[in-house]
Amino acid sequence: MHGWDLASATGQETELDPELAEFALAFAHRMLPPERRGDDTPFAPVVPAPEGAGRYAQLAAWLGRTP
């Protein structure tokens, strides 16, 4: 996800390896459900991903970033 942050901030391509994104998104859904967000976790609430967003943008949104 930090790679996405850097790519997004510098105007570079953010959708890279689709298999890695799929794995990371599935992992994030299992390990960081919305109800586990709060003061004791460094993740913001889930942000809605734009319609048609790629997997990396969906992951960014799940982790509280605005894609």
Protein backbone atom coordinates (compact mmCIF):
# COMPACT_ATOMS: atom_id res chain seq x y z
CA MET A 1 0.00 0.00 0.00
CA HIS A 2 2.89 2.37 0.62
CA GLY A 3 3.88 1.92 -3.02
CA TRP A 4 0.39 3.03 -4.03
CA ASP A 5 0.72 6.07 -1.74
CA LEU A 6 4.00 7.08 -3.35
CA ALA A 7 2.80 6.43 -6.91
CA SER A 8 -0.41 8.35 -6.28
CA ALA A 9 1.41 11.30 -4.73
CA THR A 10 3.87 11.53 -7.62
CA GLY A 11 1.37 11.03 -10.44
CA GLN A 12 2.60 7.59 -11.43
CA GLU A 13 0.65 4.46 -12.38
CA THR A 14 -1.07 3.00 -9.29
CA GLU A 15 -2.57 -0.19 -10.79
CA LEU A 16 0.29 -2.66 -11.04
CA ASP A 17 0.30 -6.44 -10.45
CA PRO A 18 -3.38 -7.49 -10.42
CA GLU A 19 -2.72 -10.82 -8.67
CA LEU A 20 -0.86 -9.12 -5.84
CA ALA A 21 -3.64 -6.55 -5.49
CA GLU A 22 -6.28 -9.29 -5.36
CA PHE A 23 -4.34 -11.14 -2.65
CA ALA A 24 -3.72 -7.98 -0.62
CA LEU A 25 -7.36 -6.89 -0.86
CA ALA A 26 -8.64 -10.30 0.28
CA PHE A 27 -6.12 -10.30 3.15
CA ALA A 28 -7.11 -6.77 4.21
CA HIS A 29 -10.80 -7.70 4.21
CA ARG A 30 -10.08 -10.63 6.56
CA MET A 31 -7.60 -8.92 8.86
CA LEU A 32 -9.06 -5.42 9.04
CA PRO A 33 -12.86 -5.45 8.97
CA PRO A 34 -14.63 -2.10 9.36
CA GLU A 35 -15.63 -2.85 12.97
CA ARG A 36 -11.95 -3.13 13.99
CA ARG A 37 -11.19 0.51 13.12
CA GLY A 38 -10.79 3.01 15.91
CA ASP A 39 -8.36 4.84 18.14
CA ASP A 40 -6.10 1.83 18.64
CA THR A 41 -5.48 1.14 14.93
CA PRO A 42 -3.64 3.28 12.38
CA PHE A 43 -6.33 2.77 9.73
CA ALA A 44 -9.09 5.23 8.96
CA PRO A 45 -12.65 4.10 8.27
CA VAL A 46 -13.35 2.52 4.90
CA VAL A 47 -13.78 5.06 2.09
CA PRO A 48 -16.10 4.27 -0.85
CA ALA A 49 -14.08 3.37 -3.94
CA PRO A 50 -15.13 5.12 -7.14
CA GLU A 51 -17.25 3.14 -9.58
CA GLY A 52 -15.02 1.05 -11.83
CA ALA A 53 -12.01 1.45 -9.52
CA GLY A 54 -9.15 -0.99 -9.98
CA ARG A 55 -8.09 -3.41 -7.27
CA TYR A 56 -5.34 -1.13 -5.93
CA ALA A 57 -7.79 1.77 -5.65
CA GLN A 58 -10.24 -0.57 -3.90
CA LEU A 59 -7.50 -1.61 -1.49
CA ALA A 60 -6.58 2.02 -0.85
CA ALA A 61 -10.22 2.80 -0.08
CA TRP A 62 -10.53 -0.23 2.21
CA LEU A 63 -7.49 0.99 4.15
CA GLY A 64 -9.00 4.46 4.57
CA ARG A 65 -7.27 6.33 1.77
CA THR A 66 -9.11 8.37 -0.84
CA PRO A 67 -8.34 6.86 -4.24
